[in-house]
Structures are given as structure tokens and as C-alpha cells.
Protein backbone atom coordinates (compact mmCIF):
# COMPACT_ATOMS: atom_id res chain seq x y z
CA UNK A 1 29.53 -41.81 -28.37
CA UNK A 2 29.04 -44.54 -26.05
CA UNK A 3 29.69 -44.21 -22.50
CA UNK A 4 30.06 -47.98 -20.90
CA UNK A 5 30.76 -49.07 -17.43
CA UNK A 6 29.48 -51.15 -14.65
CA UNK A 7 26.25 -50.43 -13.22
CA UNK A 8 26.52 -47.35 -10.48
CA UNK A 9 30.01 -46.72 -12.34
CA UNK A 10 28.98 -43.21 -12.75
CA UNK A 11 28.07 -43.66 -16.37
CA UNK A 12 24.80 -41.17 -15.95
CA UNK A 13 26.41 -38.99 -14.16
CA UNK A 14 29.47 -38.07 -16.53
CA UNK A 15 26.72 -37.91 -19.10
CA UNK A 16 24.65 -35.26 -17.73
CA UNK A 17 28.06 -33.08 -17.16
CA UNK A 18 28.71 -33.91 -20.68
CA UNK A 19 25.37 -33.03 -22.20
CA UNK A 20 25.72 -29.64 -19.96
CA UNK A 21 29.05 -28.72 -21.44
CA UNK A 22 27.70 -29.62 -24.98
CA UNK A 23 25.14 -27.43 -24.77
CA UNK A 24 27.13 -24.69 -23.59
CA UNK A 25 28.89 -25.09 -26.83
CA UNK A 26 25.21 -25.13 -28.96
CA UNK A 27 25.61 -28.92 -29.10
CA UNK A 28 22.02 -30.41 -28.50
CA UNK A 29 23.13 -33.87 -28.00
CA UNK A 30 20.33 -36.60 -27.45
CA UNK A 31 21.00 -39.32 -24.95
CA UNK A 32 19.71 -42.37 -24.93
CA UNK A 33 19.87 -44.22 -21.27
CA UNK A 34 18.87 -47.46 -21.05
CA UNK A 35 16.79 -47.58 -17.98
CA UNK A 36 14.68 -44.95 -19.75
CA UNK A 37 14.50 -46.68 -22.92
CA UNK A 38 13.64 -50.31 -21.12
CA UNK A 39 10.41 -48.66 -19.86
CA UNK A 40 9.32 -48.55 -23.19
CA UNK A 41 10.91 -51.33 -25.09
CA UNK A 42 11.20 -53.78 -22.36
CA UNK A 43 8.23 -53.48 -20.07
CA UNK A 44 9.23 -56.59 -17.94
CA UNK A 45 12.60 -56.54 -18.71
CA UNK A 46 14.15 -60.21 -17.78
CA UNK A 47 17.73 -59.04 -18.37
CA UNK A 48 19.07 -62.51 -19.45
CA UNK A 49 21.04 -62.83 -22.70
CA UNK A 50 18.18 -62.50 -25.41
CA UNK A 51 16.36 -59.53 -24.11
CA UNK A 52 19.49 -57.77 -23.91
CA UNK A 53 20.44 -58.89 -27.85
CA UNK A 54 17.23 -57.40 -28.61
CA UNK A 55 17.11 -54.20 -26.22
CA UNK A 56 20.69 -53.08 -27.70
CA UNK A 57 19.60 -54.28 -31.43
CA UNK A 58 16.66 -51.34 -30.66
CA UNK A 59 18.69 -49.10 -28.92
CA UNK A 60 21.54 -48.74 -31.70
CA UNK A 61 18.70 -48.93 -34.09
CA UNK A 62 17.40 -45.46 -32.65
CA UNK A 63 20.63 -44.15 -32.45
CA UNK A 64 21.53 -44.27 -35.85
CA UNK A 65 18.52 -43.15 -37.23
CA UNK A 66 19.13 -40.00 -35.07
CA UNK A 67 22.80 -39.67 -36.40
CA UNK A 68 21.51 -40.21 -39.60
CA UNK A 69 19.37 -36.95 -39.16
CA UNK A 70 22.14 -35.07 -37.54
CA UNK A 71 21.23 -35.40 -34.27
CA UNK A 72 24.59 -35.70 -32.10
CA UNK A 73 24.04 -39.47 -29.45
CA UNK A 74 25.08 -40.12 -26.27
CA UNK A 75 24.57 -43.85 -25.52
CA UNK A 76 24.55 -43.91 -21.78
CA UNK A 77 24.31 -47.90 -21.02
CA UNK A 78 26.10 -50.64 -19.55
CA UNK A 79 26.01 -52.73 -22.91
CA UNK A 80 27.85 -55.63 -20.98
CA UNK A 81 29.01 -57.16 -24.32
CA UNK A 82 31.62 -55.88 -26.55
CA UNK A 83 29.11 -56.45 -29.26
CA UNK A 84 26.76 -54.20 -28.43
CA UNK A 85 28.82 -51.11 -28.84
CA UNK A 86 31.09 -52.86 -31.66
CA UNK A 87 27.68 -52.69 -33.52
CA UNK A 88 27.00 -49.09 -33.46
CA UNK A 89 30.90 -48.35 -33.95
CA UNK A 90 30.47 -49.99 -37.31
CA UNK A 91 27.29 -48.20 -38.35
CA UNK A 92 28.22 -44.53 -37.06
CA UNK A 93 31.26 -43.32 -38.52
CA UNK A 94 31.94 -40.49 -36.35
CA UNK A 95 32.06 -42.73 -32.90
CA UNK A 96 33.98 -42.71 -30.05
CA UNK A 97 33.78 -45.40 -26.70
CA UNK A 98 34.11 -43.85 -23.05
CA UNK A 99 34.87 -46.50 -20.72
CA UNK A 100 33.77 -45.48 -16.81
CA UNK A 101 36.71 -47.92 -15.17
CA UNK A 102 35.33 -48.18 -11.67
CA UNK A 103 36.18 -51.03 -9.54
CA UNK A 104 33.30 -53.40 -8.80
CA UNK A 105 34.08 -52.88 -4.94
CA UNK A 106 33.36 -49.26 -5.64
CA UNK A 107 30.24 -49.67 -7.58
CA UNK A 108 28.80 -52.15 -4.98
CA UNK A 109 29.09 -49.70 -2.54
CA UNK A 110 27.40 -47.05 -4.41
CA UNK A 111 24.55 -48.98 -5.51
CA UNK A 112 22.24 -45.99 -5.65
CA UNK A 113 19.53 -48.45 -7.82
CA UNK A 114 19.95 -51.07 -5.31
CA UNK A 115 21.35 -53.36 -7.98
CA UNK A 116 23.87 -55.06 -6.19
CA UNK A 117 21.77 -55.38 -3.21
CA UNK A 118 19.26 -57.03 -4.89
CA UNK A 119 21.24 -59.39 -6.83
CA UNK A 120 22.98 -60.40 -3.39
CA UNK A 121 19.66 -61.06 -1.75
CA UNK A 122 18.34 -63.70 -4.81
CA UNK A 123 16.66 -60.96 -6.93
CA UNK A 124 18.81 -60.95 -9.88
CA UNK A 125 21.07 -63.19 -11.18
CA UNK A 126 22.35 -61.14 -14.34
CA UNK A 127 24.16 -58.05 -12.74
CA UNK A 128 26.88 -57.23 -15.30
CA UNK A 129 30.34 -57.69 -13.59
CA UNK A 130 28.34 -59.62 -10.89
CA UNK A 131 26.97 -62.78 -11.85
CA UNK A 132 27.14 -61.82 -15.84
CA UNK A 133 30.14 -60.87 -17.77
CA UNK A 134 31.10 -57.22 -18.32
CA UNK A 135 33.42 -57.34 -21.52
CA UNK A 136 35.64 -54.06 -20.79
CA UNK A 137 36.31 -51.99 -24.30
CA UNK A 138 39.26 -53.38 -26.13
CA UNK A 139 40.25 -49.83 -27.28
CA UNK A 140 38.09 -47.20 -25.77
CA UNK A 141 39.36 -43.52 -27.30
CA UNK A 142 38.59 -42.17 -23.55
CA UNK A 143 38.96 -44.17 -20.31
CA UNK A 144 37.63 -42.27 -17.06
CA UNK A 145 39.17 -43.46 -13.77
CA UNK A 146 38.63 -41.32 -10.86
CA UNK A 147 37.97 -37.77 -12.38
CA UNK A 148 35.07 -36.18 -11.25
CA UNK A 149 32.21 -35.75 -14.06
CA UNK A 150 33.08 -32.57 -15.33
CA UNK A 151 36.70 -33.17 -15.84
CA UNK A 152 35.90 -36.30 -17.53
CA UNK A 153 33.20 -34.43 -19.72
CA UNK A 154 35.81 -32.37 -20.25
CA UNK A 155 38.30 -34.84 -21.55
CA UNK A 156 35.61 -36.63 -23.64
CA UNK A 157 35.15 -33.10 -25.19
CA UNK A 158 39.09 -32.91 -26.17
CA UNK A 159 38.76 -36.46 -27.70
CA UNK A 160 35.74 -35.11 -29.99
CA UNK A 161 37.65 -32.05 -30.75
CA UNK A 162 40.94 -34.19 -31.22
CA UNK A 163 39.07 -36.59 -34.06
CA UNK A 164 37.64 -33.19 -35.84
CA UNK A 165 34.19 -34.23 -34.67
CA UNK A 166 33.71 -30.98 -32.42
CA UNK A 167 34.84 -27.87 -33.58
CA UNK A 168 36.30 -25.09 -31.07
């Protein structure tokens, strides 16, 4: 599954709750978290369109490889363009997209990594939702609005079960 939303929307918090809930059911999912993978793939990330295209291609390839080997994967990444997420949807048959729908103002107020502060100070010109476009999912299987992380994880689990991807 791909958990997407603006930076500081709560994707990683929802992912952690979901991973824990899956683990309690005996499912060991791999989390592909964009910030962690960027440390490996993009030692000096530019966050421009070319670098993002390459990065999300690499991230998707790893996820597809894991899934082919029977490992459930949670992509925890903004992936600001739909095409990044849609490529994975086309290659992984049992796929759901989760949209953490939080207003930009809320994300900017949270800003745990200082992304928005840095952008406003001129340190970045490519923050999704601010200077770079963020293309919201057209038909996500799950939309998270204000649910806490545990409730969000339960909603995702319900959808996985409903689609037959997870057995009760």
C-alpha cells in the first residue's frame, strides 16, 4: 500500500500504527520510507523533478521486488505526482492507496522536520503543496481525515480485509 499526503500530514505516524497492528496479526510488513531511502539513493538530494522521478522509480522497484518475494510493503512517501503512485499500482496487483488528507496550514503548523520553515526562509523551492505541486489521489481506497493513527490503521486494515488482501 502507498500512504501519501503532504509533508507533515502524519504519514509516518499512520504507517507506524499500521505496522504495529499488522504485526499483532502476524504480518511482518516492510516499510519503505522516503527519507530513509533518500539517504541511500540520493546522498545530496535536489528534490527537483528529475531527481524525484529517479528516486520514485528506485523506490517502486524495491517495493515490487519485495512483493514478488512475498513481503507485504508499505510505501511511506509523499510522492507528489500521481504518476509515481500509479506506476506501482500498475505493477502490484494487490495494491491500495491511502491518502492522509490534512490541510496545508495544519502541516505547516506541525512542521516537525522544519521543511516549511526552511522553504519560507529560501532554503528550498520544491516543497510539495507549497512551491511544487502535490497531486492528490483521484480514487484512493482509503482517505484519512482527522482520525488518530490507531483509528486510521484500523480503517486501512478493514479495507485490506474487504479486498481480500488480509484474512481475519
